[in-house]
Amino acid sequence: MASRTGRTRNARKVRRSKKGKARKRKEQNRGTTPKFSIHLDQA
């Protein structure tokens, strides 16, 4: 069985690695750049 310290360290590592995953997934699905028209001056 792992020591309590080891379990705590592992839990903290997992928590740290999970941070921001929801935001990254959302940006990946939606796209990160805003919608805007390109090259309006050449129309």
PDB file of N, CA and C in Angstrom:
ATOM      1  N   MET A   1       0.840  -1.183   0.000  1.00  0.00           N
ATOM      2  CA  MET A   1       0.000   0.000   0.000  1.00  0.00           C
ATOM      3  C   MET A   1       0.888   1.251   0.000  1.00  0.00           C
ATOM      4  N   ALA A   2       0.481   2.249  -0.754  1.00  0.00           N
ATOM      5  CA  ALA A   2       1.249   3.487  -0.827  1.00  0.00           C
ATOM      6  C   ALA A   2       1.091   4.275   0.467  1.00  0.00           C
ATOM      7  N   SER A   3       2.132   5.034   0.802  1.00  0.00           N
ATOM      8  CA  SER A   3       2.072   5.854   2.014  1.00  0.00           C
ATOM      9  C   SER A   3       1.102   7.010   1.798  1.00  0.00           C
ATOM     10  N   ARG A   4       0.667   7.588   2.900  1.00  0.00           N
ATOM     11  CA  ARG A   4      -0.275   8.719   2.799  1.00  0.00           C
ATOM     12  C   ARG A   4       0.365   9.890   2.080  1.00  0.00           C
ATOM     13  N   THR A   5       1.679  10.090   2.314  1.00  0.00           N
ATOM     14  CA  THR A   5       2.379  11.190   1.641  1.00  0.00           C
ATOM     15  C   THR A   5       2.396  10.951   0.133  1.00  0.00           C
ATOM     16  N   GLY A   6       2.675   9.715  -0.257  1.00  0.00           N
ATOM     17  CA  GLY A   6       2.710   9.388  -1.684  1.00  0.00           C
ATOM     18  C   GLY A   6       1.360   9.577  -2.341  1.00  0.00           C
ATOM     19  N   ARG A   7       0.318   9.171  -1.615  1.00  0.00           N
ATOM     20  CA  ARG A   7      -1.036   9.336  -2.170  1.00  0.00           C
ATOM     21  C   ARG A   7      -1.383  10.808  -2.320  1.00  0.00           C
ATOM     22  N   THR A   8      -0.994  11.618  -1.339  1.00  0.00           N
ATOM     23  CA  THR A   8      -1.261  13.057  -1.409  1.00  0.00           C
ATOM     24  C   THR A   8      -0.526  13.678  -2.580  1.00  0.00           C
ATOM     25  N   ARG A   9       0.773  13.347  -2.725  1.00  0.00           N
ATOM     26  CA  ARG A   9       1.556  13.903  -3.833  1.00  0.00           C
ATOM     27  C   ARG A   9       0.962  13.519  -5.172  1.00  0.00           C
ATOM     28  N   ASN A  10       0.553  12.256  -5.280  1.00  0.00           N
ATOM     29  CA  ASN A  10      -0.027  11.792  -6.542  1.00  0.00           C
ATOM     30  C   ASN A  10      -1.348  12.504  -6.822  1.00  0.00           C
ATOM     31  N   ALA A  11      -2.179  12.669  -5.806  1.00  0.00           N
ATOM     32  CA  ALA A  11      -3.462  13.351  -5.987  1.00  0.00           C
ATOM     33  C   ALA A  11      -3.240  14.793  -6.425  1.00  0.00           C
ATOM     34  N   ARG A  12      -2.236  15.458  -5.827  1.00  0.00           N
ATOM     35  CA  ARG A  12      -1.937  16.844  -6.216  1.00  0.00           C
ATOM     36  C   ARG A  12      -1.468  16.912  -7.657  1.00  0.00           C
ATOM     37  N   LYS A  13      -0.647  15.926  -8.053  1.00  0.00           N
ATOM     38  CA  LYS A  13      -0.144  15.905  -9.429  1.00  0.00           C
ATOM     39  C   LYS A  13      -1.303  15.728 -10.413  1.00  0.00           C
ATOM     40  N   VAL A  14      -2.223  14.835 -10.083  1.00  0.00           N
ATOM     41  CA  VAL A  14      -3.380  14.601 -10.947  1.00  0.00           C
ATOM     42  C   VAL A  14      -4.233  15.862 -11.042  1.00  0.00           C
ATOM     43  N   ARG A  15      -4.458  16.507  -9.886  1.00  0.00           N
ATOM     44  CA  ARG A  15      -5.254  17.732  -9.879  1.00  0.00           C
ATOM     45  C   ARG A  15      -4.624  18.814 -10.737  1.00  0.00           C
ATOM     46  N   ARG A  16      -3.297  18.962 -10.614  1.00  0.00           N
ATOM     47  CA  ARG A  16      -2.581  19.973 -11.406  1.00  0.00           C
ATOM     48  C   ARG A  16      -2.703  19.679 -12.896  1.00  0.00           C
ATOM     49  N   SER A  17      -2.598  18.404 -13.263  1.00  0.00           N
ATOM     50  CA  SER A  17      -2.614  18.075 -14.686  1.00  0.00           C
ATOM     51  C   SER A  17      -4.009  18.239 -15.283  1.00  0.00           C
ATOM     52  N   LYS A  18      -5.051  18.137 -14.436  1.00  0.00           N
ATOM     53  CA  LYS A  18      -6.409  18.282 -14.940  1.00  0.00           C
ATOM     54  C   LYS A  18      -6.823  19.725 -15.136  1.00  0.00           C
ATOM     55  N   LYS A  19      -6.100  20.677 -14.499  1.00  0.00           N
ATOM     56  CA  LYS A  19      -6.485  22.084 -14.577  1.00  0.00           C
ATOM     57  C   LYS A  19      -6.391  22.583 -16.013  1.00  0.00           C
ATOM     58  N   GLY A  20      -7.436  23.259 -16.456  1.00  0.00           N
ATOM     59  CA  GLY A  20      -7.411  23.870 -17.771  1.00  0.00           C
ATOM     60  C   GLY A  20      -7.814  22.943 -18.896  1.00  0.00           C
ATOM     61  N   LYS A  21      -8.058  21.667 -18.606  1.00  0.00           N
ATOM     62  CA  LYS A  21      -8.407  20.740 -19.684  1.00  0.00           C
ATOM     63  C   LYS A  21      -9.756  21.078 -20.300  1.00  0.00           C
ATOM     64  N   ALA A  22     -10.724  21.487 -19.467  1.00  0.00           N
ATOM     65  CA  ALA A  22     -12.052  21.824 -19.983  1.00  0.00           C
ATOM     66  C   ALA A  22     -11.955  23.029 -20.916  1.00  0.00           C
ATOM     67  N   ARG A  23     -11.175  24.034 -20.507  1.00  0.00           N
ATOM     68  CA  ARG A  23     -11.017  25.230 -21.339  1.00  0.00           C
ATOM     69  C   ARG A  23     -10.340  24.879 -22.650  1.00  0.00           C
ATOM     70  N   LYS A  24      -9.287  24.065 -22.588  1.00  0.00           N
ATOM     71  CA  LYS A  24      -8.571  23.683 -23.803  1.00  0.00           C
ATOM     72  C   LYS A  24      -9.477  22.898 -24.747  1.00  0.00           C
ATOM     73  N   ARG A  25     -10.290  22.003 -24.194  1.00  0.00           N
ATOM     74  CA  ARG A  25     -11.195  21.217 -25.027  1.00  0.00           C
ATOM     75  C   ARG A  25     -12.223  22.115 -25.686  1.00  0.00           C
ATOM     76  N   LYS A  26     -12.751  23.084 -24.922  1.00  0.00           N
ATOM     77  CA  LYS A  26     -13.740  24.014 -25.456  1.00  0.00           C
ATOM     78  C   LYS A  26     -13.152  24.819 -26.607  1.00  0.00           C
ATOM     79  N   GLU A  27     -11.933  25.335 -26.412  1.00  0.00           N
ATOM     80  CA  GLU A  27     -11.287  26.123 -27.462  1.00  0.00           C
ATOM     81  C   GLU A  27     -10.997  25.279 -28.691  1.00  0.00           C
ATOM     82  N   GLN A  28     -10.617  24.026 -28.472  1.00  0.00           N
ATOM     83  CA  GLN A  28     -10.308  23.151 -29.597  1.00  0.00           C
ATOM     84  C   GLN A  28     -11.564  22.886 -30.431  1.00  0.00           C
ATOM     85  N   ASN A  29     -12.703  22.704 -29.752  1.00  0.00           N
ATOM     86  CA  ASN A  29     -13.947  22.418 -30.465  1.00  0.00           C
ATOM     87  C   ASN A  29     -14.508  23.657 -31.146  1.00  0.00           C
ATOM     88  N   ARG A  30     -14.395  24.801 -30.487  1.00  0.00           N
ATOM     89  CA  ARG A  30     -14.986  26.034 -31.004  1.00  0.00           C
ATOM     90  C   ARG A  30     -14.082  26.789 -31.955  1.00  0.00           C
ATOM     91  N   GLY A  31     -12.791  26.656 -31.767  1.00  0.00           N
ATOM     92  CA  GLY A  31     -11.851  27.485 -32.497  1.00  0.00           C
ATOM     93  C   GLY A  31     -11.502  28.691 -31.645  1.00  0.00           C
ATOM     94  N   THR A  32     -10.246  29.091 -31.667  1.00  0.00           N
ATOM     95  CA  THR A  32      -9.799  30.120 -30.734  1.00  0.00           C
ATOM     96  C   THR A  32      -9.817  31.512 -31.345  1.00  0.00           C
ATOM     97  N   THR A  33      -9.878  31.631 -32.657  1.00  0.00           N
ATOM     98  CA  THR A  33      -9.818  32.966 -33.254  1.00  0.00           C
ATOM     99  C   THR A  33     -11.222  33.520 -33.440  1.00  0.00           C
ATOM    100  N   PRO A  34     -11.422  34.813 -33.229  1.00  0.00           N
ATOM    101  CA  PRO A  34     -12.742  35.401 -33.439  1.00  0.00           C
ATOM    102  C   PRO A  34     -13.089  35.450 -34.929  1.00  0.00           C
ATOM    103  N   LYS A  35     -14.375  35.481 -35.200  1.00  0.00           N
ATOM    104  CA  LYS A  35     -14.816  35.545 -36.594  1.00  0.00           C
ATOM    105  C   LYS A  35     -14.697  36.988 -37.075  1.00  0.00           C
ATOM    106  N   PHE A  36     -13.969  37.203 -38.152  1.00  0.00           N
ATOM    107  CA  PHE A  36     -13.872  38.531 -38.739  1.00  0.00           C
ATOM    108  C   PHE A  36     -13.548  38.377 -40.223  1.00  0.00           C
ATOM    109  N   SER A  37     -13.962  39.355 -41.003  1.00  0.00           N
ATOM    110  CA  SER A  37     -13.724  39.330 -42.446  1.00  0.00           C
ATOM    111  C   SER A  37     -12.274  39.626 -42.733  1.00  0.00           C
ATOM    112  N   ILE A  38     -11.717  38.959 -43.713  1.00  0.00           N
ATOM    113  CA  ILE A  38     -10.308  39.128 -44.033  1.00  0.00           C
ATOM    114  C   ILE A  38     -10.182  39.942 -45.309  1.00  0.00           C
ATOM    115  N   HIS A  39      -9.191  40.799 -45.359  1.00  0.00           N
ATOM    116  CA  HIS A  39      -8.834  41.584 -46.547  1.00  0.00           C
ATOM    117  C   HIS A  39      -9.986  42.458 -47.031  1.00  0.00           C
ATOM    118  N   LEU A  40     -10.544  43.270 -46.143  1.00  0.00           N
ATOM    119  CA  LEU A  40     -11.617  44.165 -46.532  1.00  0.00           C
ATOM    120  C   LEU A  40     -11.113  45.268 -47.463  1.00  0.00           C
ATOM    121  N   ASP A  41      -9.835  45.668 -47.316  1.00  0.00           N
ATOM    122  CA  ASP A  41      -9.300  46.767 -48.114  1.00  0.00           C
ATOM    123  C   ASP A  41      -9.088  46.367 -49.584  1.00  0.00           C
ATOM    124  N   GLN A  42      -9.052  45.090 -49.889  1.00  0.00           N
ATOM    125  CA  GLN A  42      -8.823  44.652 -51.276  1.00  0.00           C
ATOM    126  C   GLN A  42     -10.118  44.320 -51.993  1.00  0.00           C
ATOM    127  N   ALA A  43     -11.258  44.599 -51.415  1.00  0.00           N
ATOM    128  CA  ALA A  43     -12.545  44.247 -52.009  1.00  0.00           C
ATOM    129  C   ALA A  43     -12.874  45.104 -53.211  1.00  0.00           C
TER     130      ALA A  43
END
